[in-house]
Structures are given as structure tokens and as C-alpha cells.
Amino acid sequence: MRSAFREDPPDADGTRWRPGDTHRIRARILGGFLLLLVGTAAVATLVVGEVLRARLESRVQGALSQEVSEFNRLLVLGNDPDTGENFASLSAAFDLFLERNVPSNEEAFVTFLDGQQYRSVVSRFPLDRLPQVVVDRFESADALPDDPEGRFETDVGTGYYRALPARVGTQDGTFVVLILPTAEFGQIQELQVYGALAVLAVLALASLVAWALVNRLLGPVLELTETAQRISRSDLAGRIAVRGSGEAADMARTFNAMLDRLQAVFHTEREFVRDASHELRVPLTVCMGNLDVLAVGLPESEKENLQVIGLVTDEIGRMARIVDDLRLLADAAQPDFLAPERIDVDALLADLLAKSRRLGDREWHLDAAPGGEIDADRHRITEAVLNLTENAVQHTRAGDAIAIGAAIEGPDLRIWVRDTGVGVPAGDQARIFNRFRRGARAYRTYRGSGLGLSIVRAVTEAHGGRVRVESVEGEGSTFTMLIPFVRKSSPQP
């Protein structure tokens, strides 16, 4: 038989801690670690790529400067081999330089004479033709470009150029060196791809190692959580296993020592309540028996004494009920407080309504019956609901309506008691479920111990549920018990 009880009782704010919460903490820690690692790797990859590009650009600029310097040296110091004299024309200098110098890989020489492209060497250039943007820039006989160097964009990458304007005789021209380092750019990109793959491999390995470390580090925390959950169900015998030394072991020892002290305190408190209940029950029973004997033996003329005896008997009976209620509240925290069984919800409601009718002359109604079955303690549920109906009787008058009902609300069975009485003031609603707490006007209406609603809450929370109240002064109140519900359909005939 599957139990309908929730394993974890609600916290003070209505939330519940579940084992999955610890897994979410692990996932957050691991996710944060991996996010930091990914961010660091991404930044490192980008920085390495930028550094490599910067170094490549520096080498390209050096190569451009070298070629331009060689041509400038030829103009200044070189001689025409045909005449043995200085160059008589710029075209002769261009021809000699292009014949004697071979461009490096991914490099090209281009010469412009009087605003027109003269000769070029592009055999080792990555493109079949020169970039048109460069050709257009230097094909001008009117004015030389303001800046002798720059870069250009192509489909295969970024290129660089440097120009040297020159004049020999009546000829004006420009010597231009171009470099398009596609191979080195490709190597940088390939390095970044391999780096990204290496980062992914390191991330996978780091994830496994980090998960193992997180499990090891959070192991004591998980044990502490599970132990705390058992404590919330009043199993104070649980302890955390202490392994090795260090902060986790110290935490486990400290927590276990705290549990030892708590267990001793709860054990002492429970034994005190049990002993006090037992010891008080006997003299109360003796007093009531003797008062009954006195009442039988007194003549009719001693009516005043009979009234006193009746008053004392009533008070002793109330004390006996308080003792029983205290005993129930003391036992509510124990694991064996409930004896769950399979209950037919509609039959339970009919029984509760029949028993409640004997509490007072009211208009009794059954609001709703959802059908199905629930695993719960029939006697404890009955006791809690009858406390609610008795409370409703105390705050209503003859002829007022009191209704009992039940419905499915999400994962819970909602059992309510509704009345059309005086209602509960808003300032009292937060405290009336506490022990020995009653509403501000309750003392004017009836005598009580202030334990009835606390018993309702204790029974409901023992089932893993919660209680709530909705009330409007002068219009009535609705007290609700929310109990975890497992609906069972009726078998087909």
C-alpha cells in the first residue's frame, strides 16, 4: 500500500526541502565552475589570437619596409647597367629592380608610371589579379597619395601595402609592395580551432573531476540535510557518519553533538509530559468519583452544595481534557503518532457529519464529497475535524449554518469546516493555532483551554499537510486542512 503522506514536512515559510535541492546545488556549483572555465578559455583564446595577429602584422610591416628600402637604395645608390651612370628614367629603375628581385611568398610588386600601372610581379601573390582598390588608389598622375601605407580587404583576408613615390627625370611614379598573408592567417585560425577543441576536451575532463570533487565536498552537507529531514519527522536517532578530519568532519561532530543534546531534551520533555499526564489523571479520576458519591448522598435540601459539586466536577473534567490534549500534543511529534489506513473519503465525511450533529443545534450541511480513498489515520482526522466543528459550534448560535466538505486541490485533499458565526478578527488569525492561544473574544463566548486548534494543526502536519483559516468578522469562518492525497478510482464491476 502506497502511503499518501509527504516525506518532508513544510518549513516555517511553507516550502519543503527535497533531495533534489542538493542536486540543484551541485549543478549550480558545477555550472559556475564550468562557466568560469569556459569564460577564461574563451578570453585566453581571443587574446592569443589577437597577439598572434599583432605579431603577424608586425612582421608584415617589417617585410614591406624592407622591400621599399631596397628599392629606395637602388634609386639613390644604384646605376643603370647599360650606361654605368645614374638612372636616366624611372622606368629603367623599375625594370632593373623587378628583374633582380623576386617577391616572397604571398607578396607582390606593382609599379605605377605617370598615373598608369606599369609593370607588376604577382606570381606568388594569393590572388590571380591585383586588388582593384589598390590599383585605383595609385593610378593618378595628378597627386601622390597622402599616406604611403595601408590595408585592403579581400575575400580571403586582410592585405597590407606600402608605397614609395619616386621621380627620375621627367617621370613620376610609385613603387608599391603588397602582402596578403592568407597562409599565416589560416594557421592562426587553425590554431584557434585546435585550441577550442582542446578546451572542450579539458572541459569534459574538468567536468568529471569537478563533479567528483563537488560530490565529495557536499557529501557531508547531503548527510546533514537527510539527517535534518529525519529530525523534522522527530527521528532524533539519526547521526552523520564522521570520516577523516577537516572542516567537514568537524561540522559532522558538532552537528551530532547538537543532536545528542536535542535528543536528551526532547526525551526529558516527553517523559515529563507522560509522567505528569499519568500522575494527574489518577487524582482527577479519584476526585470526580468522590464528588459523584457526595452528590448522590446529599439530600434535596442541599441544592447549593449540589451546585458547587457540579461546578467542581465540571472543572475537574475540563482539567482532565486538558491533560489528554497535552498528552496528544506531546505524542504528535513521535513517529508512531499515526496509524494510517485506507479510508473512503465520502464515508469519512458522512461519519464526521453524523458525529458533529450531536455537538449542537445548528443547520448542518455537507458541502461537497470528492470520492476516492486516502491513506491517513482515521481516528486522528476525526479528532481534528471534530475540534473544528466544536469550535464552530462555540462561535455560532442556534440555527446558524455549519458545513463540512472536501475537495481535491492540486496534490492535496482539502477538508474544511465552514460556519456563519462571528468570525475571527484579522489580528487573531495568525496565532489561534498556537497552544493556549485563543481569540480576543473567545473568553466571552465559552470556556476552553486553547488547545483545540493546536491539535488540528498537529494532526494535519503529522500527515505532512498544513492548515489555514479564512474569516470575515460578522460573516463567518472557514477552517481548512490540506492533507496529501492519493486518489484511487473505484473498481469497475
Protein backbone atom coordinates (compact mmCIF):
# COMPACT_ATOMS: atom_id res chain seq x y z
CA MET A 1 0.00 0.00 0.00
CA ARG A 2 1.40 3.28 -1.07
CA SER A 3 1.29 5.97 1.57
CA ALA A 4 -0.22 9.30 0.73
CA PHE A 5 1.94 11.13 3.21
CA ARG A 6 4.60 13.55 2.09
CA GLU A 7 8.01 12.61 3.28
CA ASP A 8 9.06 16.16 4.08
CA PRO A 9 7.04 18.38 6.40
CA PRO A 10 6.67 22.01 5.43
CA ASP A 11 9.12 24.56 6.68
CA ALA A 12 8.01 27.67 8.50
CA ASP A 13 7.53 29.54 5.24
CA GLY A 14 5.57 26.71 3.64
CA THR A 15 8.42 25.44 1.47
CA ARG A 16 9.88 21.95 1.59
CA TRP A 17 13.44 20.77 1.23
CA ARG A 18 13.78 17.84 -1.07
CA PRO A 19 16.79 15.67 -2.01
CA GLY A 20 16.66 17.21 -5.48
CA ASP A 21 17.57 20.56 -3.93
CA THR A 22 21.03 19.20 -3.10
CA HIS A 23 21.46 18.05 -6.70
CA ARG A 24 20.50 21.52 -7.87
CA ILE A 25 23.17 22.98 -5.58
CA ARG A 26 25.71 20.61 -7.10
CA ALA A 27 24.59 21.61 -10.58
CA ARG A 28 24.89 25.31 -9.70
CA ILE A 29 28.39 24.86 -8.29
CA LEU A 30 29.50 22.80 -11.27
CA GLY A 31 27.80 25.20 -13.68
CA GLY A 32 29.53 28.18 -12.08
CA PHE A 33 32.89 26.42 -12.22
CA LEU A 34 32.42 25.45 -15.87
CA LEU A 35 31.17 28.91 -16.76
CA LEU A 36 34.29 30.42 -15.20
CA LEU A 37 36.47 27.90 -17.01
CA VAL A 38 34.73 28.50 -20.35
CA GLY A 39 34.97 32.25 -19.91
CA THR A 40 38.64 32.03 -19.06
CA ALA A 41 39.35 29.73 -22.00
CA ALA A 42 37.39 31.95 -24.40
CA VAL A 43 39.21 35.07 -23.25
CA ALA A 44 42.56 33.28 -23.45
CA THR A 45 41.79 32.03 -26.98
CA LEU A 46 40.79 35.51 -28.14
CA VAL A 47 43.83 37.10 -26.51
CA VAL A 48 46.18 34.54 -28.07
CA GLY A 49 44.55 35.12 -31.46
CA GLU A 50 44.94 38.88 -31.18
CA VAL A 51 48.56 38.55 -30.05
CA LEU A 52 49.35 36.29 -32.99
CA ARG A 53 47.65 38.69 -35.40
CA ALA A 54 49.55 41.62 -33.93
CA ARG A 55 52.86 39.77 -34.28
CA LEU A 56 51.94 38.79 -37.84
CA GLU A 57 51.12 42.39 -38.72
CA SER A 58 54.41 43.49 -37.22
CA ARG A 59 56.33 41.01 -39.40
CA VAL A 60 54.35 42.07 -42.48
CA GLN A 61 55.15 45.73 -41.84
CA GLY A 62 58.81 44.83 -41.46
CA ALA A 63 58.79 42.95 -44.75
CA LEU A 64 57.09 45.88 -46.51
CA SER A 65 59.64 48.32 -45.11
CA GLN A 66 62.49 46.11 -46.23
CA GLU A 67 61.28 45.90 -49.86
CA VAL A 68 60.63 49.64 -50.02
CA SER A 69 64.08 50.35 -48.55
CA GLU A 70 65.76 48.13 -51.14
CA PHE A 71 64.06 49.97 -53.99
CA ASN A 72 64.93 53.34 -52.44
CA ARG A 73 68.56 52.25 -52.08
CA LEU A 74 68.58 51.25 -55.73
CA LEU A 75 67.35 54.69 -56.74
CA VAL A 76 69.91 56.51 -54.58
CA LEU A 77 72.97 54.34 -54.91
CA GLY A 78 72.34 52.13 -57.93
CA ASN A 79 73.46 52.67 -61.54
CA ASP A 80 71.96 51.73 -64.86
CA PRO A 81 73.96 48.61 -66.00
CA ASP A 82 73.65 49.68 -69.64
CA THR A 83 75.25 53.10 -69.12
CA GLY A 84 77.07 52.72 -65.79
CA GLU A 85 75.55 56.06 -64.81
CA ASN A 86 72.67 57.03 -62.62
CA PHE A 87 69.24 56.06 -63.92
CA ALA A 88 68.06 58.39 -66.61
CA SER A 89 64.43 57.32 -66.26
CA LEU A 90 62.20 55.86 -63.55
CA SER A 91 61.07 53.08 -65.88
CA ALA A 92 64.68 51.85 -66.10
CA ALA A 93 64.90 51.67 -62.31
CA PHE A 94 61.59 49.77 -62.16
CA ASP A 95 62.77 47.30 -64.82
CA LEU A 96 66.08 46.59 -63.10
CA PHE A 97 64.52 46.11 -59.65
CA LEU A 98 61.80 43.77 -60.92
CA GLU A 99 64.38 41.70 -62.86
CA ARG A 100 66.75 41.29 -59.91
CA ASN A 101 64.22 40.86 -57.05
CA VAL A 102 61.78 38.00 -56.58
CA PRO A 103 58.81 38.63 -54.26
CA SER A 104 58.48 36.45 -51.22
CA ASN A 105 55.57 34.09 -50.75
CA GLU A 106 52.20 35.95 -50.69
CA GLU A 107 54.00 39.14 -51.82
CA ALA A 108 53.61 41.26 -54.98
CA PHE A 109 55.43 44.20 -56.57
CA VAL A 110 53.46 46.79 -58.53
CA THR A 111 54.80 49.90 -60.26
CA PHE A 112 52.87 52.91 -61.47
CA LEU A 113 54.30 55.38 -64.00
CA ASP A 114 52.69 58.71 -64.79
CA GLY A 115 49.35 57.66 -63.30
CA GLN A 116 49.18 54.29 -65.06
CA GLN A 117 50.05 50.78 -63.97
CA TYR A 118 53.46 49.99 -65.48
CA ARG A 119 54.73 46.55 -64.51
CA SER A 120 53.92 44.10 -61.73
CA VAL A 121 55.13 40.79 -60.38
CA VAL A 122 52.24 38.75 -58.89
CA SER A 123 53.40 35.19 -59.49
CA ARG A 124 53.49 34.40 -55.75
CA PHE A 125 50.54 36.55 -54.73
CA PRO A 126 47.49 34.60 -53.37
CA LEU A 127 45.14 36.33 -55.84
CA ASP A 128 45.05 35.98 -59.62
CA ARG A 129 44.75 39.72 -60.05
CA LEU A 130 45.70 42.76 -58.04
CA PRO A 131 43.08 44.24 -55.70
CA GLN A 132 41.28 46.91 -57.70
CA VAL A 133 41.08 49.20 -54.66
CA VAL A 134 44.88 49.43 -54.60
CA VAL A 135 45.18 49.95 -58.35
CA ASP A 136 42.59 52.74 -58.28
CA ARG A 137 44.39 54.41 -55.40
CA PHE A 138 47.71 54.82 -57.21
CA GLU A 139 46.58 55.33 -60.81
CA SER A 140 46.73 59.10 -60.58
CA ALA A 141 49.30 61.35 -62.18
CA ASP A 142 47.93 64.48 -60.57
CA ALA A 143 48.80 63.79 -56.95
CA LEU A 144 50.56 61.14 -54.94
CA PRO A 145 48.63 59.53 -52.04
CA ASP A 146 48.85 61.26 -48.67
CA ASP A 147 49.68 58.08 -46.75
CA PRO A 148 52.17 55.66 -48.27
CA GLU A 149 50.84 52.60 -46.38
CA GLY A 150 47.54 50.95 -45.53
CA ARG A 151 45.49 47.78 -45.75
CA PHE A 152 42.85 46.33 -48.01
CA GLU A 153 40.15 43.70 -47.63
CA THR A 154 39.69 40.67 -49.87
CA ASP A 155 37.57 37.55 -49.84
CA VAL A 156 40.50 35.56 -48.42
CA GLY A 157 41.58 38.01 -45.73
CA THR A 158 43.19 41.35 -44.98
CA GLY A 159 46.17 42.54 -47.01
CA TYR A 160 48.79 45.25 -46.41
CA TYR A 161 50.66 47.57 -48.74
CA ARG A 162 53.37 50.22 -48.62
CA ALA A 163 54.22 52.68 -51.36
CA LEU A 164 57.29 54.77 -52.26
CA PRO A 165 56.66 57.76 -54.56
CA ALA A 166 59.64 58.47 -56.86
CA ARG A 167 60.70 60.92 -59.60
CA VAL A 168 63.52 60.43 -62.07
CA GLY A 169 63.94 62.95 -64.83
CA THR A 170 60.54 63.80 -66.18
CA GLN A 171 58.88 60.60 -64.97
CA ASP A 172 56.78 60.40 -61.80
CA GLY A 173 55.76 57.07 -60.37
CA THR A 174 55.10 54.90 -57.36
CA PHE A 175 56.63 51.63 -56.23
CA VAL A 176 54.09 49.54 -54.24
CA VAL A 177 54.65 46.34 -52.25
CA LEU A 178 51.61 44.22 -51.31
CA ILE A 179 51.45 41.32 -48.88
CA LEU A 180 48.35 39.14 -48.34
CA PRO A 181 49.31 36.64 -45.59
CA THR A 182 46.47 34.16 -46.14
CA ALA A 183 48.53 31.13 -45.08
CA GLU A 184 49.55 32.63 -41.75
CA PHE A 185 46.01 33.84 -41.13
CA GLY A 186 44.82 30.32 -41.83
CA GLN A 187 47.37 28.93 -39.40
CA ILE A 188 46.12 31.31 -36.71
CA GLN A 189 42.52 30.26 -37.32
CA GLU A 190 43.52 26.61 -37.34
CA LEU A 191 45.37 27.14 -34.07
CA GLN A 192 42.25 28.72 -32.58
CA VAL A 193 40.10 25.81 -33.76
CA TYR A 194 42.51 23.28 -32.25
CA GLY A 195 42.60 25.42 -29.11
CA ALA A 196 38.79 25.36 -28.92
CA LEU A 197 38.77 21.57 -29.34
CA ALA A 198 41.42 21.26 -26.65
CA VAL A 199 39.31 23.50 -24.38
CA LEU A 200 36.28 21.27 -24.96
CA ALA A 201 38.33 18.20 -24.08
CA VAL A 202 39.66 19.91 -20.96
CA LEU A 203 36.10 20.98 -20.06
CA ALA A 204 34.85 17.41 -20.34
CA LEU A 205 37.67 16.13 -18.16
CA ALA A 206 37.30 19.04 -15.74
CA SER A 207 33.56 18.41 -15.51
CA LEU A 208 34.12 14.83 -14.40
CA VAL A 209 36.78 15.82 -11.91
CA ALA A 210 34.74 18.77 -10.64
CA TRP A 211 31.60 16.62 -10.26
CA ALA A 212 33.55 14.10 -8.21
CA LEU A 213 35.05 16.85 -6.06
CA VAL A 214 31.67 18.54 -5.56
CA ASN A 215 30.11 15.22 -4.58
CA ARG A 216 32.87 14.66 -2.10
CA LEU A 217 32.66 18.17 -0.69
CA LEU A 218 28.85 18.19 -0.49
CA GLY A 219 28.60 14.65 0.85
CA PRO A 220 28.52 15.82 4.48
CA VAL A 221 26.02 18.52 3.56
CA LEU A 222 23.74 15.93 1.96
CA GLU A 223 24.02 13.72 5.01
CA LEU A 224 23.29 16.72 7.22
CA THR A 225 20.22 17.52 5.10
CA GLU A 226 18.91 13.97 5.24
CA THR A 227 19.51 13.85 8.98
CA ALA A 228 17.72 17.18 9.42
CA GLN A 229 14.78 15.80 7.44
CA ARG A 230 14.57 12.80 9.75
CA ILE A 231 14.73 15.18 12.70
CA SER A 232 11.80 17.12 11.26
CA ARG A 233 9.93 13.81 11.46
CA SER A 234 11.10 13.50 15.07
CA ASP A 235 13.62 10.74 14.45
CA LEU A 236 16.37 12.04 16.68
CA ALA A 237 18.37 8.83 16.49
CA GLY A 238 19.97 9.70 13.13
CA ARG A 239 23.60 10.78 13.07
CA ILE A 240 26.09 11.84 10.43
CA ALA A 241 28.94 9.43 9.77
CA VAL A 242 32.24 11.13 10.64
CA ARG A 243 35.03 10.34 8.20
CA GLY A 244 38.59 11.56 8.48
CA SER A 245 39.40 15.06 9.62
CA GLY A 246 38.99 18.60 8.42
CA GLU A 247 36.13 21.08 8.30
CA ALA A 248 33.54 18.56 7.10
CA ALA A 249 34.38 16.13 9.89
CA ASP A 250 34.29 18.96 12.47
CA MET A 251 30.89 20.03 11.16
CA ALA A 252 29.58 16.46 11.43
CA ARG A 253 30.87 16.10 15.01
CA THR A 254 29.36 19.43 16.02
CA PHE A 255 26.03 18.54 14.45
CA ASN A 256 25.99 15.12 16.09
CA ALA A 257 26.75 16.71 19.46
CA MET A 258 23.84 19.10 18.95
CA LEU A 259 21.57 16.16 18.13
CA ASP A 260 22.66 14.41 21.31
CA ARG A 261 21.65 17.44 23.34
CA LEU A 262 18.36 17.83 21.48
CA GLN A 263 17.53 14.17 21.87
CA ALA A 264 18.17 14.39 25.61
CA VAL A 265 15.96 17.49 25.91
CA PHE A 266 13.10 16.01 23.87
CA HIS A 267 13.30 12.73 25.71
CA THR A 268 13.15 14.53 29.05
CA GLU A 269 10.25 16.69 27.89
CA ARG A 270 8.28 13.75 26.56
CA GLU A 271 8.83 11.69 29.68
CA PHE A 272 7.79 14.64 31.83
CA VAL A 273 4.53 15.10 29.91
CA ARG A 274 3.81 11.37 30.03
CA ASP A 275 4.53 11.14 33.74
CA ALA A 276 2.61 14.31 34.53
CA SER A 277 -0.37 13.16 32.47
CA HIS A 278 -0.37 9.79 34.19
CA GLU A 279 0.04 11.21 37.67
CA LEU A 280 -2.62 13.89 37.18
CA ARG A 281 -5.14 11.51 35.65
CA VAL A 282 -5.33 9.35 38.78
CA PRO A 283 -6.16 12.12 41.32
CA LEU A 284 -8.56 13.72 38.88
CA THR A 285 -10.39 10.44 38.45
CA VAL A 286 -10.47 9.94 42.23
CA CYS A 287 -11.82 13.47 42.76
CA MET A 288 -14.55 13.02 40.20
CA GLY A 289 -15.56 9.67 41.67
CA ASN A 290 -15.77 11.04 45.18
CA LEU A 291 -17.73 14.09 44.06
CA ASP A 292 -20.21 11.82 42.33
CA VAL A 293 -20.59 9.85 45.57
CA LEU A 294 -21.15 13.07 47.53
CA ALA A 295 -23.73 14.27 45.02
CA VAL A 296 -25.67 11.01 45.32
CA GLY A 297 -25.60 11.08 49.15
CA LEU A 298 -26.73 14.68 49.62
CA PRO A 299 -30.39 15.35 50.36
CA GLU A 300 -32.54 17.55 48.14
CA SER A 301 -32.24 20.38 50.69
CA GLU A 302 -28.55 20.73 49.97
CA LYS A 303 -29.08 22.12 46.48
CA GLU A 304 -26.42 24.76 46.96
CA ASN A 305 -23.85 22.10 47.75
CA LEU A 306 -25.03 20.17 44.70
CA GLN A 307 -24.34 23.18 42.52
CA VAL A 308 -20.85 23.54 43.99
CA ILE A 309 -20.16 19.88 43.40
CA GLY A 310 -21.38 20.19 39.82
CA LEU A 311 -19.15 23.20 39.25
CA VAL A 312 -16.12 21.43 40.69
CA THR A 313 -16.90 18.30 38.69
CA ASP A 314 -17.08 20.37 35.51
CA GLU A 315 -13.73 22.00 36.25
CA ILE A 316 -12.11 18.67 37.02
CA GLY A 317 -13.50 17.29 33.76
CA ARG A 318 -12.03 20.25 31.91
CA MET A 319 -8.66 19.64 33.59
CA ALA A 320 -8.85 16.00 32.52
CA ARG A 321 -9.46 17.08 28.90
CA ILE A 322 -6.51 19.47 29.09
CA VAL A 323 -4.31 16.63 30.35
CA ASP A 324 -5.47 14.43 27.46
CA ASP A 325 -4.84 17.23 24.95
CA LEU A 326 -1.35 17.85 26.30
CA ARG A 327 -0.60 14.16 26.06
CA LEU A 328 -1.79 14.14 22.43
CA LEU A 329 0.34 17.18 21.54
CA ALA A 330 3.37 15.58 23.18
CA ASP A 331 2.85 12.38 21.18
CA ALA A 332 2.20 14.24 17.90
CA ALA A 333 5.93 14.68 17.32
CA GLN A 334 6.62 10.93 17.58
CA PRO A 335 6.98 8.64 14.56
CA ASP A 336 4.30 6.27 15.87
CA PHE A 337 1.73 9.02 16.37
CA LEU A 338 -0.20 7.99 13.24
CA ALA A 339 -1.69 4.62 12.36
CA PRO A 340 -2.53 5.13 8.66
CA GLU A 341 -5.12 3.03 6.88
CA ARG A 342 -7.03 3.19 3.62
CA ILE A 343 -10.05 5.46 4.13
CA ASP A 344 -13.02 6.07 1.88
CA VAL A 345 -13.31 9.87 1.80
CA ASP A 346 -17.09 10.02 1.31
CA ALA A 347 -17.71 7.56 4.15
CA LEU A 348 -15.39 9.57 6.39
CA LEU A 349 -17.32 12.79 5.64
CA ALA A 350 -20.66 11.12 6.37
CA ASP A 351 -19.32 9.84 9.71
CA LEU A 352 -17.91 13.27 10.62
CA LEU A 353 -21.20 14.99 9.82
CA ALA A 354 -23.18 12.47 11.90
CA LYS A 355 -20.89 12.90 14.91
CA SER A 356 -20.85 16.68 14.60
CA ARG A 357 -24.66 16.94 14.65
CA ARG A 358 -24.61 15.85 18.31
CA LEU A 359 -22.44 18.84 19.27
CA GLY A 360 -25.17 21.47 18.92
CA ASP A 361 -28.45 22.57 17.38
CA ARG A 362 -27.19 24.02 14.13
CA GLU A 363 -28.04 23.84 10.44
CA TRP A 364 -25.59 21.11 9.44
CA HIS A 365 -24.67 20.64 5.77
CA LEU A 366 -22.35 18.60 3.59
CA ASP A 367 -20.82 20.98 1.04
CA ALA A 368 -19.02 18.53 -1.24
CA ALA A 369 -17.64 14.99 -1.36
CA PRO A 370 -14.89 14.22 -3.91
CA GLY A 371 -14.93 10.42 -3.71
CA GLY A 372 -11.84 8.24 -3.75
CA GLU A 373 -9.63 6.96 -0.96
CA ILE A 374 -6.79 8.32 1.12
CA ASP A 375 -4.08 6.79 3.29
CA ALA A 376 -4.48 8.51 6.66
CA ASP A 377 -5.18 7.94 10.34
CA ARG A 378 -8.97 7.85 10.57
CA HIS A 379 -9.13 8.50 14.32
CA ARG A 380 -6.70 11.44 14.22
CA ILE A 381 -8.50 13.03 11.26
CA THR A 382 -11.83 12.56 13.05
CA GLU A 383 -10.44 14.11 16.22
CA ALA A 384 -9.10 17.14 14.32
CA VAL A 385 -12.31 17.76 12.36
CA LEU A 386 -14.47 17.39 15.48
CA ASN A 387 -12.28 20.01 17.16
CA LEU A 388 -13.08 22.30 14.24
CA THR A 389 -16.81 21.60 14.38
CA GLU A 390 -16.84 22.08 18.15
CA ASN A 391 -15.04 25.38 17.67
CA ALA A 392 -17.67 26.34 15.07
CA VAL A 393 -20.48 25.46 17.48
CA GLN A 394 -18.91 27.63 20.18
CA HIS A 395 -18.85 30.64 17.84
CA THR A 396 -22.34 30.29 16.36
CA ARG A 397 -25.88 30.35 17.62
CA ALA A 398 -28.80 28.00 17.27
CA GLY A 399 -29.97 27.96 13.67
CA ASP A 400 -26.65 29.15 12.22
CA ALA A 401 -25.17 27.09 9.40
CA ILE A 402 -22.15 24.84 9.79
CA ALA A 403 -20.93 22.82 6.82
CA ILE A 404 -18.32 20.12 6.28
CA GLY A 405 -16.85 19.41 2.88
CA ALA A 406 -13.88 18.07 0.98
CA ALA A 407 -12.36 18.56 -2.47
CA ILE A 408 -9.20 17.93 -4.41
CA GLU A 409 -6.82 20.91 -4.53
CA GLY A 410 -3.75 20.04 -6.54
CA PRO A 411 -1.92 17.23 -4.75
CA ASP A 412 -3.93 17.70 -1.55
CA LEU A 413 -7.25 16.63 -0.12
CA ARG A 414 -8.88 19.78 1.23
CA ILE A 415 -11.19 19.19 4.19
CA TRP A 416 -12.98 22.25 5.52
CA VAL A 417 -15.42 23.30 8.20
CA ARG A 418 -17.44 26.40 7.35
CA ASP A 419 -19.69 28.40 9.66
CA THR A 420 -21.72 31.59 9.57
CA GLY A 421 -20.71 32.71 13.05
CA VAL A 422 -18.96 35.76 14.42
CA GLY A 423 -15.73 35.20 12.50
CA VAL A 424 -12.12 35.56 13.61
CA PRO A 425 -10.52 39.03 13.79
CA ALA A 426 -7.67 39.51 11.35
CA GLY A 427 -5.23 40.13 14.20
CA ASP A 428 -6.04 36.73 15.77
CA GLN A 429 -5.84 34.56 12.64
CA ALA A 430 -2.05 34.20 12.75
CA ARG A 431 -1.93 32.94 16.36
CA ILE A 432 -5.08 30.93 17.08
CA PHE A 433 -3.35 27.66 16.05
CA ASN A 434 -0.71 28.10 18.77
CA ARG A 435 -1.05 26.31 22.08
CA PHE A 436 -3.07 28.06 24.77
CA ARG A 437 -3.90 30.86 22.33
CA ARG A 438 -7.50 31.96 21.85
CA GLY A 439 -9.16 34.80 20.04
CA ALA A 440 -9.69 38.08 21.80
CA ARG A 441 -13.45 37.49 22.00
CA ALA A 442 -13.35 33.76 22.72
CA TYR A 443 -13.24 34.29 26.50
CA ARG A 444 -16.65 35.99 26.31
CA THR A 445 -18.19 33.13 24.35
CA TYR A 446 -17.07 29.89 26.01
CA ARG A 447 -14.52 28.41 28.35
CA GLY A 448 -11.69 26.48 26.80
CA SER A 449 -8.05 25.61 27.10
CA GLY A 450 -6.87 26.99 23.75
CA LEU A 451 -5.56 23.59 22.63
CA GLY A 452 -8.24 22.53 20.16
CA LEU A 453 -6.87 24.32 17.09
CA SER A 454 -3.30 23.44 18.00
CA ILE A 455 -4.39 19.79 17.96
CA VAL A 456 -5.86 20.36 14.49
CA ARG A 457 -2.55 21.73 13.27
CA ALA A 458 -0.55 18.93 14.95
CA VAL A 459 -2.67 16.22 13.32
CA THR A 460 -2.54 17.90 9.91
CA GLU A 461 1.21 18.45 9.99
CA ALA A 462 1.76 14.89 11.17
CA HIS A 463 0.12 13.84 7.88
CA GLY A 464 2.53 16.12 6.01
CA GLY A 465 -0.10 18.81 5.40
CA ARG A 466 -0.96 22.30 6.59
CA VAL A 467 -3.90 24.28 7.96
CA ARG A 468 -5.31 27.66 7.07
CA VAL A 469 -8.22 29.89 8.04
CA GLU A 470 -10.28 32.36 6.02
CA SER A 471 -12.59 34.56 8.02
CA VAL A 472 -14.55 37.81 7.89
CA GLU A 473 -15.82 39.29 11.12
CA GLY A 474 -19.58 39.05 11.40
CA GLU A 475 -19.87 36.72 8.38
CA GLY A 476 -18.21 33.51 9.50
CA SER A 477 -15.06 31.42 9.10
CA THR A 478 -13.72 28.55 7.03
CA PHE A 479 -11.03 26.33 8.58
CA THR A 480 -9.22 24.12 6.10
CA MET A 481 -6.98 21.07 6.47
CA LEU A 482 -4.79 20.31 3.43
CA ILE A 483 -3.67 16.68 3.50
CA PRO A 484 -1.59 14.95 0.78
CA PHE A 485 -3.99 12.92 -1.28
CA VAL A 486 -3.66 9.77 -3.40
CA ARG A 487 -6.85 9.27 -5.37
CA LYS A 488 -7.93 5.69 -6.08
CA SER A 489 -10.65 5.13 -8.65
CA SER A 490 -13.38 2.69 -7.79
CA PRO A 491 -13.02 -0.75 -9.39
CA GLN A 492 -15.29 -1.44 -12.32
CA PRO A 493 -17.99 -4.08 -11.72
